[in-house]
C-alpha atoms as a PDB file:
ATOM      1  CA  MET A   1       0.235  -0.081   0.475  1.00  0.00           C
ATOM      2  CA  LEU A   2       1.256   3.276  -0.589  1.00  0.00           C
ATOM      3  CA  GLU A   3       2.255   5.229   2.177  1.00  0.00           C
ATOM      4  CA  HIS A   4       0.971   8.795   2.219  1.00  0.00           C
ATOM      5  CA  PRO A   5      -1.444  11.159   4.065  1.00  0.00           C
ATOM      6  CA  PRO A   6      -5.436  10.953   3.156  1.00  0.00           C
ATOM      7  CA  ASN A   7      -4.479  13.740   0.397  1.00  0.00           C
ATOM      8  CA  PRO A   8      -0.582  14.096  -0.750  1.00  0.00           C
ATOM      9  CA  GLU A   9      -1.267  17.245  -2.344  1.00  0.00           C
ATOM     10  CA  LEU A  10      -1.887  18.566   1.140  1.00  0.00           C
ATOM     11  CA  SER A  11       1.098  17.704   3.373  1.00  0.00           C
ATOM     12  CA  THR A  12       1.396  19.503   6.257  1.00  0.00           C
ATOM     13  CA  THR A  13       4.790  20.978   7.853  1.00  0.00           C
ATOM     14  CA  SER A  14       3.792  19.084  11.291  1.00  0.00           C
ATOM     15  CA  LEU A  15       4.272  15.498   9.238  1.00  0.00           C
ATOM     16  CA  ILE A  16       8.110  16.923   8.487  1.00  0.00           C
ATOM     17  CA  PRO A  17      10.544  16.650  11.061  1.00  0.00           C
ATOM     18  CA  PRO A  18      14.087  18.988  11.264  1.00  0.00           C
ATOM     19  CA  THR A  19      16.736  17.582   9.064  1.00  0.00           C
ATOM     20  CA  PRO A  20      19.585  16.435  10.998  1.00  0.00           C
ATOM     21  CA  ALA A  21      23.318  17.542  10.226  1.00  0.00           C
ATOM     22  CA  GLY A  22      24.462  17.116   7.319  1.00  0.00           C
ATOM     23  CA  PHE A  23      21.417  15.889   5.378  1.00  0.00           C
ATOM     24  CA  LYS A  24      21.061  16.474   1.578  1.00  0.00           C
ATOM     25  CA  SER A  25      18.197  16.356  -0.625  1.00  0.00           C
ATOM     26  CA  GLY A  26      17.272  17.286  -4.205  1.00  0.00           C
ATOM     27  CA  PHE A  27      15.041  16.029  -7.454  1.00  0.00           C
ATOM     28  CA  ILE A  28      16.806  13.571  -9.912  1.00  0.00           C
ATOM     29  CA  GLY A  29      15.467  13.653 -13.405  1.00  0.00           C
ATOM     30  CA  ILE A  30      15.612  10.055 -15.045  1.00  0.00           C
ATOM     31  CA  ILE A  31      15.803  10.554 -18.717  1.00  0.00           C
ATOM     32  CA  GLY A  32      16.229   8.656 -21.393  1.00  0.00           C
ATOM     33  CA  ARG A  33      15.082   6.988 -24.619  1.00  0.00           C
ATOM     34  CA  PRO A  34      11.836   4.858 -24.690  1.00  0.00           C
ATOM     35  CA  ASN A  35      12.422   1.164 -23.245  1.00  0.00           C
ATOM     36  CA  VAL A  36      15.890   1.792 -21.497  1.00  0.00           C
ATOM     37  CA  GLY A  37      14.383   0.882 -17.963  1.00  0.00           C
ATOM     38  CA  LYS A  38      13.758   3.934 -16.326  1.00  0.00           C
ATOM     39  CA  SER A  39      10.010   2.850 -14.695  1.00  0.00           C
ATOM     40  CA  THR A  40      11.491  -0.500 -13.640  1.00  0.00           C
ATOM     41  CA  LEU A  41      14.844   1.574 -12.354  1.00  0.00           C
ATOM     42  CA  MET A  42      12.404   4.003 -10.014  1.00  0.00           C
ATOM     43  CA  ASN A  43      10.631   1.032  -8.817  1.00  0.00           C
ATOM     44  CA  GLN A  44      13.621  -0.604  -7.429  1.00  0.00           C
ATOM     45  CA  LEU A  45      15.040   2.328  -6.117  1.00  0.00           C
ATOM     46  CA  VAL A  46      11.724   3.185  -4.143  1.00  0.00           C
ATOM     47  CA  GLY A  47      10.995  -0.193  -3.173  1.00  0.00           C
ATOM     48  CA  GLN A  48       7.587  -0.789  -4.536  1.00  0.00           C
ATOM     49  CA  LYS A  49       5.732  -0.322  -7.657  1.00  0.00           C
ATOM     50  CA  ILE A  50       4.336   3.164  -8.363  1.00  0.00           C
ATOM     51  CA  ALA A  51       5.615   3.511 -11.896  1.00  0.00           C
ATOM     52  CA  ILE A  52       3.979   0.992 -14.737  1.00  0.00           C
ATOM     53  CA  THR A  53       6.116  -1.119 -16.891  1.00  0.00           C
ATOM     54  CA  SER A  54       5.817  -2.672 -20.159  1.00  0.00           C
ATOM     55  CA  PRO A  55       7.401  -4.246 -23.044  1.00  0.00           C
ATOM     56  CA  THR A  56       5.912  -1.869 -25.076  1.00  0.00           C
ATOM     57  CA  ALA A  57       8.349   1.507 -25.858  1.00  0.00           C
ATOM     58  CA  GLN A  58       7.071   5.180 -24.226  1.00  0.00           C
ATOM     59  CA  THR A  59       5.089   3.661 -21.779  1.00  0.00           C
ATOM     60  CA  THR A  60       5.276   6.804 -19.404  1.00  0.00           C
ATOM     61  CA  ARG A  61       3.457   9.350 -20.054  1.00  0.00           C
ATOM     62  CA  ASN A  62       3.393  11.784 -16.901  1.00  0.00           C
ATOM     63  CA  ARG A  63       6.285  12.749 -14.807  1.00  0.00           C
ATOM     64  CA  LEU A  64       5.613  10.664 -11.718  1.00  0.00           C
ATOM     65  CA  ARG A  65       7.835  11.442  -8.602  1.00  0.00           C
ATOM     66  CA  GLY A  66       9.076   8.364  -6.511  1.00  0.00           C
ATOM     67  CA  ILE A  67      10.503   9.683  -2.916  1.00  0.00           C
ATOM     68  CA  VAL A  68      13.576   7.679  -1.443  1.00  0.00           C
ATOM     69  CA  THR A  69      14.642   8.886   2.519  1.00  0.00           C
ATOM     70  CA  THR A  70      17.296   7.436   4.330  1.00  0.00           C
ATOM     71  CA  ASP A  71      19.007   8.516   7.409  1.00  0.00           C
ATOM     72  CA  THR A  72      21.115  10.988   5.503  1.00  0.00           C
ATOM     73  CA  ALA A  73      19.228  12.289   2.341  1.00  0.00           C
ATOM     74  CA  GLN A  74      16.179  12.629   0.426  1.00  0.00           C
ATOM     75  CA  LEU A  75      16.089  11.543  -3.032  1.00  0.00           C
ATOM     76  CA  ILE A  76      13.041  12.731  -5.208  1.00  0.00           C
ATOM     77  CA  PHE A  77      13.549  10.814  -8.757  1.00  0.00           C
ATOM     78  CA  VAL A  78      11.266  12.057 -11.487  1.00  0.00           C
ATOM     79  CA  ASP A  79      10.357   9.711 -14.225  1.00  0.00           C
ATOM     80  CA  THR A  80       9.288  11.274 -17.506  1.00  0.00           C
ATOM     81  CA  PRO A  81       8.611  10.039 -20.892  1.00  0.00           C
ATOM     82  CA  GLY A  82      11.053   8.468 -23.424  1.00  0.00           C
ATOM     83  CA  ILE A  83      12.694  10.889 -25.230  1.00  0.00           C
ATOM     84  CA  HIS A  84      12.025  10.389 -29.224  1.00  0.00           C
ATOM     85  CA  LYS A  85      10.657  11.819 -32.208  1.00  0.00           C
ATOM     86  CA  PRO A  86       7.102  12.758 -31.852  1.00  0.00           C
ATOM     87  CA  HIS A  87       4.346  11.534 -34.249  1.00  0.00           C
ATOM     88  CA  HIS A  88       1.029  13.230 -32.889  1.00  0.00           C
ATOM     89  CA  GLN A  89       0.156  15.920 -30.557  1.00  0.00           C
ATOM     90  CA  LEU A  90       0.192  13.664 -27.359  1.00  0.00           C
ATOM     91  CA  GLY A  91       3.958  12.578 -28.274  1.00  0.00           C
ATOM     92  CA  GLU A  92       5.234  16.149 -28.675  1.00  0.00           C
ATOM     93  CA  VAL A  93       3.650  16.765 -25.487  1.00  0.00           C
ATOM     94  CA  LEU A  94       5.200  14.182 -23.656  1.00  0.00           C
ATOM     95  CA  VAL A  95       8.681  15.166 -25.289  1.00  0.00           C
ATOM     96  CA  GLN A  96       8.247  18.710 -23.838  1.00  0.00           C
ATOM     97  CA  ASN A  97       7.541  17.583 -20.231  1.00  0.00           C
ATOM     98  CA  ALA A  98      10.543  15.524 -20.678  1.00  0.00           C
ATOM     99  CA  LYS A  99      12.901  18.041 -21.748  1.00  0.00           C
ATOM    100  CA  ILE A 100      11.040  20.564 -19.026  1.00  0.00           C
ATOM    101  CA  ALA A 101      12.666  18.028 -16.494  1.00  0.00           C
ATOM    102  CA  ILE A 102      15.512  18.628 -17.590  1.00  0.00           C
ATOM    103  CA  GLU A 103      15.532  21.916 -16.445  1.00  0.00           C
ATOM    104  CA  SER A 104      13.618  21.459 -13.267  1.00  0.00           C
ATOM    105  CA  VAL A 105      16.002  19.021 -11.153  1.00  0.00           C
ATOM    106  CA  ASP A 106      18.842  19.284  -9.432  1.00  0.00           C
ATOM    107  CA  VAL A 107      20.877  16.186 -11.085  1.00  0.00           C
ATOM    108  CA  VAL A 108      20.010  14.002 -14.305  1.00  0.00           C
ATOM    109  CA  LEU A 109      20.285  10.351 -14.344  1.00  0.00           C
ATOM    110  CA  PHE A 110      20.791   9.535 -18.053  1.00  0.00           C
ATOM    111  CA  VAL A 111      19.836   5.994 -18.621  1.00  0.00           C
ATOM    112  CA  VAL A 112      20.711   4.090 -21.134  1.00  0.00           C
ATOM    113  CA  ASP A 113      20.333   0.289 -22.576  1.00  0.00           C
ATOM    114  CA  GLY A 114      23.503  -1.582 -21.479  1.00  0.00           C
ATOM    115  CA  SER A 115      22.808  -4.308 -23.579  1.00  0.00           C
ATOM    116  CA  VAL A 116      23.132  -2.674 -26.806  1.00  0.00           C
ATOM    117  CA  ALA A 117      25.870  -0.374 -28.101  1.00  0.00           C
ATOM    118  CA  CYS A 118      25.617   3.287 -27.735  1.00  0.00           C
ATOM    119  CA  GLY A 119      23.442   4.678 -30.832  1.00  0.00           C
ATOM    120  CA  LYS A 120      21.923   7.458 -32.620  1.00  0.00           C
ATOM    121  CA  GLY A 121      19.116   7.816 -30.287  1.00  0.00           C
ATOM    122  CA  ASP A 122      21.013   8.086 -27.212  1.00  0.00           C
ATOM    123  CA  ARG A 123      23.479  10.545 -28.849  1.00  0.00           C
ATOM    124  CA  TYR A 124      20.593  12.673 -29.619  1.00  0.00           C
ATOM    125  CA  VAL A 125      19.497  12.858 -25.988  1.00  0.00           C
ATOM    126  CA  ALA A 126      23.067  13.470 -24.980  1.00  0.00           C
ATOM    127  CA  GLU A 127      23.139  16.927 -27.199  1.00  0.00           C
ATOM    128  CA  LEU A 128      19.980  17.690 -25.316  1.00  0.00           C
ATOM    129  CA  LEU A 129      21.582  17.475 -21.842  1.00  0.00           C
ATOM    130  CA  ALA A 130      24.812  19.072 -23.133  1.00  0.00           C
ATOM    131  CA  HIS A 131      23.006  22.300 -23.516  1.00  0.00           C
ATOM    132  CA  SER A 132      21.659  22.366 -20.241  1.00  0.00           C
ATOM    133  CA  GLN A 133      23.085  23.703 -17.110  1.00  0.00           C
ATOM    134  CA  THR A 134      22.304  20.382 -14.907  1.00  0.00           C
ATOM    135  CA  PRO A 135      25.116  18.179 -13.682  1.00  0.00           C
ATOM    136  CA  VAL A 136      24.521  14.998 -15.425  1.00  0.00           C
ATOM    137  CA  ILE A 137      25.101  11.301 -14.654  1.00  0.00           C
ATOM    138  CA  LEU A 138      25.280   8.457 -17.186  1.00  0.00           C
ATOM    139  CA  GLY A 139      23.728   5.106 -15.946  1.00  0.00           C
ATOM    140  CA  LEU A 140      24.465   2.303 -17.752  1.00  0.00           C
ATOM    141  CA  ASN A 141      21.752  -0.488 -17.335  1.00  0.00           C
ATOM    142  CA  LYS A 142      21.027  -3.850 -18.056  1.00  0.00           C
ATOM    143  CA  ILE A 143      24.127  -5.163 -17.770  1.00  0.00           C
ATOM    144  CA  ASP A 144      22.327  -8.626 -16.533  1.00  0.00           C
ATOM    145  CA  LEU A 145      21.855  -8.882 -20.412  1.00  0.00           C
ATOM    146  CA  GLN A 146      25.458  -8.089 -21.440  1.00  0.00           C
ATOM    147  CA  ALA A 147      26.970 -11.406 -23.171  1.00  0.00           C
ATOM    148  CA  PRO A 148      30.607 -11.613 -21.500  1.00  0.00           C
ATOM    149  CA  HIS A 149      32.314 -11.638 -25.206  1.00  0.00           C
ATOM    150  CA  THR A 150      30.712  -8.494 -25.698  1.00  0.00           C
ATOM    151  CA  ALA A 151      30.360  -6.557 -22.663  1.00  0.00           C
ATOM    152  CA  SER A 152      33.643  -4.561 -22.814  1.00  0.00           C
ATOM    153  CA  VAL A 153      32.734  -3.185 -26.347  1.00  0.00           C
ATOM    154  CA  LEU A 154      29.441  -1.815 -25.203  1.00  0.00           C
ATOM    155  CA  ASP A 155      30.836  -0.458 -22.127  1.00  0.00           C
ATOM    156  CA  ALA A 156      33.470   1.139 -24.337  1.00  0.00           C
ATOM    157  CA  SER A 157      30.926   2.432 -26.398  1.00  0.00           C
ATOM    158  CA  TYR A 158      29.197   4.444 -23.247  1.00  0.00           C
ATOM    159  CA  GLN A 159      32.640   5.289 -21.744  1.00  0.00           C
ATOM    160  CA  GLN A 160      33.513   7.171 -24.910  1.00  0.00           C
ATOM    161  CA  LEU A 161      29.786   9.258 -24.656  1.00  0.00           C
ATOM    162  CA  ALA A 162      30.587   9.760 -21.138  1.00  0.00           C
ATOM    163  CA  GLY A 163      34.359  10.946 -22.074  1.00  0.00           C
ATOM    164  CA  GLU A 164      33.220  13.576 -24.400  1.00  0.00           C
ATOM    165  CA  TYR A 165      30.868  15.360 -22.047  1.00  0.00           C
ATOM    166  CA  ASN A 166      33.030  14.494 -18.937  1.00  0.00           C
ATOM    167  CA  TRP A 167      29.836  12.713 -17.335  1.00  0.00           C
ATOM    168  CA  GLN A 168      30.288  10.274 -14.307  1.00  0.00           C
ATOM    169  CA  LEU A 169      29.217   6.508 -15.932  1.00  0.00           C
ATOM    170  CA  VAL A 170      27.720   4.186 -13.284  1.00  0.00           C
ATOM    171  CA  LYS A 171      26.889   0.491 -14.307  1.00  0.00           C
ATOM    172  CA  PHE A 172      23.770  -1.499 -12.813  1.00  0.00           C
ATOM    173  CA  SER A 173      20.589  -3.559 -13.636  1.00  0.00           C
ATOM    174  CA  ALA A 174      17.463  -2.117 -12.498  1.00  0.00           C
ATOM    175  CA  LYS A 175      15.525  -5.684 -13.008  1.00  0.00           C
ATOM    176  CA  VAL A 176      18.207  -7.439 -10.957  1.00  0.00           C
ATOM    177  CA  GLY A 177      19.171  -4.644  -8.866  1.00  0.00           C
ATOM    178  CA  THR A 178      22.785  -5.327  -8.976  1.00  0.00           C
ATOM    179  CA  GLU A 179      24.858  -2.135  -7.970  1.00  0.00           C
ATOM    180  CA  LEU A 180      21.459  -0.077  -7.271  1.00  0.00           C
ATOM    181  CA  SER A 181      23.064   1.092  -3.873  1.00  0.00           C
ATOM    182  CA  ASN A 182      26.275   2.283  -5.265  1.00  0.00           C
ATOM    183  CA  LEU A 183      24.183   4.106  -7.937  1.00  0.00           C
ATOM    184  CA  GLN A 184      22.449   5.850  -4.867  1.00  0.00           C
ATOM    185  CA  ASN A 185      25.364   6.385  -2.778  1.00  0.00           C
ATOM    186  CA  ILE A 186      26.795   8.366  -5.941  1.00  0.00           C
ATOM    187  CA  LEU A 187      23.326  10.244  -6.775  1.00  0.00           C
ATOM    188  CA  ILE A 188      23.274  11.592  -2.960  1.00  0.00           C
ATOM    189  CA  GLU A 189      27.163  12.784  -3.466  1.00  0.00           C
ATOM    190  CA  ASN A 190      26.090  14.978  -6.168  1.00  0.00           C
ATOM    191  CA  LEU A 191      23.110  16.479  -4.005  1.00  0.00           C
ATOM    192  CA  ALA A 192      23.272  19.551  -1.894  1.00  0.00           C
ATOM    193  CA  LEU A 193      22.354  20.302   1.720  1.00  0.00           C
ATOM    194  CA  GLY A 194      18.956  20.460   1.984  1.00  0.00           C
ATOM    195  CA  PRO A 195      15.514  20.018   3.554  1.00  0.00           C
ATOM    196  CA  TYR A 196      13.095  17.552   3.897  1.00  0.00           C
ATOM    197  CA  TYR A 197      10.735  17.877   0.510  1.00  0.00           C
ATOM    198  CA  TYR A 198       7.942  15.566   1.583  1.00  0.00           C
ATOM    199  CA  PRO A 199       7.222  13.626   4.604  1.00  0.00           C
ATOM    200  CA  PRO A 200       9.731  10.748   5.176  1.00  0.00           C
ATOM    201  CA  ASP A 201       7.401   7.772   4.725  1.00  0.00           C
ATOM    202  CA  LEU A 202       5.851   8.921   1.452  1.00  0.00           C
ATOM    203  CA  VAL A 203       6.988   7.190  -1.423  1.00  0.00           C
ATOM    204  CA  THR A 204       5.203   9.362  -4.161  1.00  0.00           C
ATOM    205  CA  ASP A 205       3.468  12.815  -4.518  1.00  0.00           C
ATOM    206  CA  GLN A 206       0.952  11.307  -6.798  1.00  0.00           C
ATOM    207  CA  PRO A 207      -3.066  10.583  -5.348  1.00  0.00           C
ATOM    208  CA  GLU A 208      -4.062   6.638  -5.433  1.00  0.00           C
ATOM    209  CA  ARG A 209      -6.623   7.525  -8.313  1.00  0.00           C
ATOM    210  CA  PHE A 210      -3.630   8.634 -10.704  1.00  0.00           C
ATOM    211  CA  ILE A 211      -2.070   5.269  -9.743  1.00  0.00           C
ATOM    212  CA  MET A 212      -5.133   3.084  -9.973  1.00  0.00           C
ATOM    213  CA  GLY A 213      -5.672   4.220 -13.868  1.00  0.00           C
ATOM    214  CA  GLU A 214      -2.018   3.704 -14.533  1.00  0.00           C
ATOM    215  CA  LEU A 215      -2.072   0.090 -13.596  1.00  0.00           C
ATOM    216  CA  ILE A 216      -5.147  -0.741 -15.975  1.00  0.00           C
ATOM    217  CA  ARG A 217      -3.111   0.885 -18.554  1.00  0.00           C
ATOM    218  CA  GLU A 218      -0.456  -1.073 -17.938  1.00  0.00           C
ATOM    219  CA  GLN A 219      -2.795  -4.556 -18.180  1.00  0.00           C
ATOM    220  CA  VAL A 220      -4.389  -2.984 -21.460  1.00  0.00           C
ATOM    221  CA  LEU A 221      -0.477  -2.848 -22.757  1.00  0.00           C
ATOM    222  CA  LEU A 222       0.320  -6.416 -21.578  1.00  0.00           C
ATOM    223  CA  HIS A 223      -2.636  -7.969 -22.718  1.00  0.00           C
ATOM    224  CA  THR A 224      -3.180  -6.194 -26.169  1.00  0.00           C
ATOM    225  CA  ARG A 225       0.789  -5.266 -27.113  1.00  0.00           C
ATOM    226  CA  GLU A 226       0.659  -3.901 -30.371  1.00  0.00           C
ATOM    227  CA  GLU A 227      -2.915  -4.142 -31.277  1.00  0.00           C
ATOM    228  CA  VAL A 228      -3.780  -1.296 -28.986  1.00  0.00           C
ATOM    229  CA  PRO A 229       0.038   0.342 -28.750  1.00  0.00           C
ATOM    230  CA  HIS A 230      -0.738   4.241 -27.418  1.00  0.00           C
ATOM    231  CA  SER A 231      -4.237   4.596 -28.388  1.00  0.00           C
ATOM    232  CA  VAL A 232      -5.558   4.440 -25.004  1.00  0.00           C
ATOM    233  CA  ALA A 233      -6.268   6.830 -21.863  1.00  0.00           C
ATOM    234  CA  ILE A 234      -7.800   5.729 -18.588  1.00  0.00           C
ATOM    235  CA  ALA A 235     -10.415   7.881 -16.830  1.00  0.00           C
ATOM    236  CA  ILE A 236     -11.099   6.772 -13.206  1.00  0.00           C
ATOM    237  CA  ASP A 237     -15.037   7.835 -12.980  1.00  0.00           C
ATOM    238  CA  LEU A 238     -15.828   6.710  -9.488  1.00  0.00           C
ATOM    239  CA  VAL A 239     -13.737   5.474  -6.113  1.00  0.00           C
ATOM    240  CA  GLU A 240     -16.109   4.567  -3.615  1.00  0.00           C
ATOM    241  CA  GLU A 241     -14.873   3.369  -0.479  1.00  0.00           C
ATOM    242  CA  THR A 242     -16.502   1.183   2.407  1.00  0.00           C
ATOM    243  CA  GLU A 243     -15.429  -0.931   5.417  1.00  0.00           C
ATOM    244  CA  LYS A 244     -15.222  -4.383   3.299  1.00  0.00           C
ATOM    245  CA  ILE A 245     -14.175  -2.947  -0.322  1.00  0.00           C
ATOM    246  CA  THR A 246     -13.255  -0.356  -2.587  1.00  0.00           C
ATOM    247  CA  ARG A 247     -15.610   0.373  -5.903  1.00  0.00           C
ATOM    248  CA  VAL A 248     -13.619   1.469  -8.747  1.00  0.00           C
ATOM    249  CA  LEU A 249     -15.277   2.579 -12.106  1.00  0.00           C
ATOM    250  CA  ALA A 250     -13.067   3.278 -14.975  1.00  0.00           C
ATOM    251  CA  THR A 251     -13.755   4.323 -18.752  1.00  0.00           C
ATOM    252  CA  ILE A 252     -10.563   2.929 -21.154  1.00  0.00           C
ATOM    253  CA  HIS A 253     -10.756   5.991 -23.954  1.00  0.00           C
ATOM    254  CA  VAL A 254      -9.272   4.264 -27.404  1.00  0.00           C
ATOM    255  CA  GLU A 255      -9.784   5.903 -30.901  1.00  0.00           C
ATOM    256  CA  ARG A 256     -11.200   3.550 -33.546  1.00  0.00           C
ATOM    257  CA  ASP A 257     -13.982   1.138 -33.028  1.00  0.00           C
ATOM    258  CA  SER A 258     -11.961  -1.935 -34.019  1.00  0.00           C
ATOM    259  CA  GLN A 259      -9.780  -1.018 -31.152  1.00  0.00           C
ATOM    260  CA  LYS A 260     -12.807  -1.308 -28.907  1.00  0.00           C
ATOM    261  CA  GLY A 261     -13.382  -4.751 -30.178  1.00  0.00           C
ATOM    262  CA  ILE A 262      -9.978  -5.804 -29.599  1.00  0.00           C
ATOM    263  CA  LEU A 263     -10.046  -4.476 -25.915  1.00  0.00           C
ATOM    264  CA  ILE A 264     -13.474  -6.149 -25.058  1.00  0.00           C
ATOM    265  CA  GLY A 265     -12.729  -9.388 -27.049  1.00  0.00           C
ATOM    266  CA  LYS A 266     -14.971 -12.175 -27.953  1.00  0.00           C
ATOM    267  CA  LYS A 267     -17.905 -12.509 -25.328  1.00  0.00           C
ATOM    268  CA  GLY A 268     -15.727  -9.852 -23.684  1.00  0.00           C
ATOM    269  CA  LEU A 269     -13.168 -12.270 -22.381  1.00  0.00           C
ATOM    270  CA  MET A 270     -10.240  -9.744 -22.944  1.00  0.00           C
ATOM    271  CA  LEU A 271     -11.829  -6.709 -20.852  1.00  0.00           C
ATOM    272  CA  LYS A 272     -12.532  -9.766 -18.640  1.00  0.00           C
ATOM    273  CA  ASN A 273      -8.894 -10.391 -18.034  1.00  0.00           C
ATOM    274  CA  ILE A 274      -7.767  -7.101 -18.201  1.00  0.00           C
ATOM    275  CA  GLY A 275     -10.046  -5.992 -15.328  1.00  0.00           C
ATOM    276  CA  SER A 276      -9.109  -9.202 -13.186  1.00  0.00           C
ATOM    277  CA  ALA A 277      -5.416  -8.236 -13.856  1.00  0.00           C
ATOM    278  CA  ALA A 278      -6.061  -4.992 -13.112  1.00  0.00           C
ATOM    279  CA  ARG A 279      -7.934  -5.444  -9.863  1.00  0.00           C
ATOM    280  CA  GLN A 280      -5.045  -7.606  -8.299  1.00  0.00           C
ATOM    281  CA  GLN A 281      -2.714  -4.881  -8.537  1.00  0.00           C
ATOM    282  CA  ILE A 282      -4.853  -2.290  -7.465  1.00  0.00           C
ATOM    283  CA  GLN A 283      -5.659  -4.700  -4.439  1.00  0.00           C
ATOM    284  CA  LYS A 284      -1.747  -4.799  -3.599  1.00  0.00           C
ATOM    285  CA  LEU A 285      -1.856  -0.674  -3.702  1.00  0.00           C
ATOM    286  CA  ILE A 286      -4.588  -0.136  -1.333  1.00  0.00           C
ATOM    287  CA  ALA A 287      -4.154  -3.371   0.810  1.00  0.00           C
ATOM    288  CA  GLY A 288      -7.850  -3.984   0.483  1.00  0.00           C
ATOM    289  CA  LYS A 289     -10.393  -6.038  -1.600  1.00  0.00           C
ATOM    290  CA  VAL A 290     -11.207  -4.015  -4.787  1.00  0.00           C
ATOM    291  CA  TYR A 291     -14.325  -4.384  -7.126  1.00  0.00           C
ATOM    292  CA  LEU A 292     -12.971  -3.106 -10.404  1.00  0.00           C
ATOM    293  CA  GLU A 293     -15.806  -2.298 -13.305  1.00  0.00           C
ATOM    294  CA  LEU A 294     -14.327  -1.254 -16.797  1.00  0.00           C
ATOM    295  CA  PHE A 295     -16.515   0.588 -19.645  1.00  0.00           C
ATOM    296  CA  VAL A 296     -14.508   1.114 -23.335  1.00  0.00           C
ATOM    297  CA  LYS A 297     -15.575   4.635 -24.807  1.00  0.00           C
ATOM    298  CA  VAL A 298     -14.206   5.770 -28.381  1.00  0.00           C
ATOM    299  CA  GLN A 299     -12.727   9.237 -28.947  1.00  0.00           C
ATOM    300  CA  PRO A 300     -11.625   9.750 -32.561  1.00  0.00           C
ATOM    301  CA  LYS A 301      -8.458  11.179 -32.875  1.00  0.00           C
ATOM    302  CA  TRP A 302      -7.758  11.980 -28.854  1.00  0.00           C
ATOM    303  CA  ARG A 303      -4.289  12.100 -29.082  1.00  0.00           C
ATOM    304  CA  GLN A 304      -4.742  14.894 -31.576  1.00  0.00           C
ATOM    305  CA  SER A 305      -6.797  17.095 -29.941  1.00  0.00           C
ATOM    306  CA  ARG A 306      -5.234  19.394 -27.080  1.00  0.00           C
ATOM    307  CA  ILE A 307      -8.428  19.495 -25.628  1.00  0.00           C
ATOM    308  CA  ARG A 308      -9.402  15.961 -25.239  1.00  0.00           C
ATOM    309  CA  LEU A 309      -5.808  15.708 -24.066  1.00  0.00           C
ATOM    310  CA  ALA A 310      -6.294  18.215 -21.281  1.00  0.00           C
ATOM    311  CA  GLU A 311      -9.651  16.370 -20.786  1.00  0.00           C
ATOM    312  CA  LEU A 312      -7.714  13.246 -19.833  1.00  0.00           C
ATOM    313  CA  GLY A 313      -4.715  14.528 -18.086  1.00  0.00           C
ATOM    314  CA  TYR A 314      -2.112  14.963 -20.666  1.00  0.00           C
ATOM    315  CA  ARG A 315      -0.837  18.859 -21.050  1.00  0.00           C
ATOM    316  CA  VAL A 316       2.490  20.581 -21.082  1.00  0.00           C
ATOM    317  CA  GLU A 317       3.873  20.866 -17.394  1.00  0.00           C
ATOM    318  CA  GLU A 318       4.950  24.511 -16.152  1.00  0.00           C
END
């Protein structure tokens, strides 16, 4: 269950203790191409699932903050959408928000896929970061997938990149958890002395309704894969809590009738499977029983409309 006060947006100073001597804090932007493991990394660092993960690229849409508090520091990780060439209005909003995050954090953790050599996409992100005044650490993820006979060659391609920009390079595996304590220590070293920005027991600044919607969207991606890729948005219509069960009603928005048909499936089986899997995840989130009812609605070209994007919670962040 997420540990946060009833309304995380209204955290009071009474929940925040004074900081001990030498305490450090700051915001760390997790930046990189789509599907390099940014959300998996944040979940591992925070110690529980707050960001959805999927084999499908560009899973993350909103800037999601994960909070790690130790005896000596508070690290606020900002998970961002993968930086890519946008093909629609939604893509432009996502990439713009990722760029804004670069300038609004104290340290950038530039995550790359260490199982493949440095490519054009990585260099594109590197050039964006080079124009920023924010300190950058290059994080070489997925080292568990490196073959022994190619590891040195793969590492060398990123060592060259780090050398060009004078960046520190750290190797780790977000999935397995290898070297994450070392990564966390290096990030703390790069933070300045600072206060608690959030109560020590808080793990995210997002309300449970947002996380519920993301968990439903994750199951849509996992069950439909390429058939209904990014034409999906989730609206939580109702959350009704009783002593015994939490009732959740949600609408899955898609762009075409054919996508609606795929999501519902033969005799409603696909929607039932998505709902069952999402319900199990939401029950873990709130640590209680959940009744989940899903509806599917067609919203033609919602990703191309700024009005529709805003209605569904997607807008360029300040």
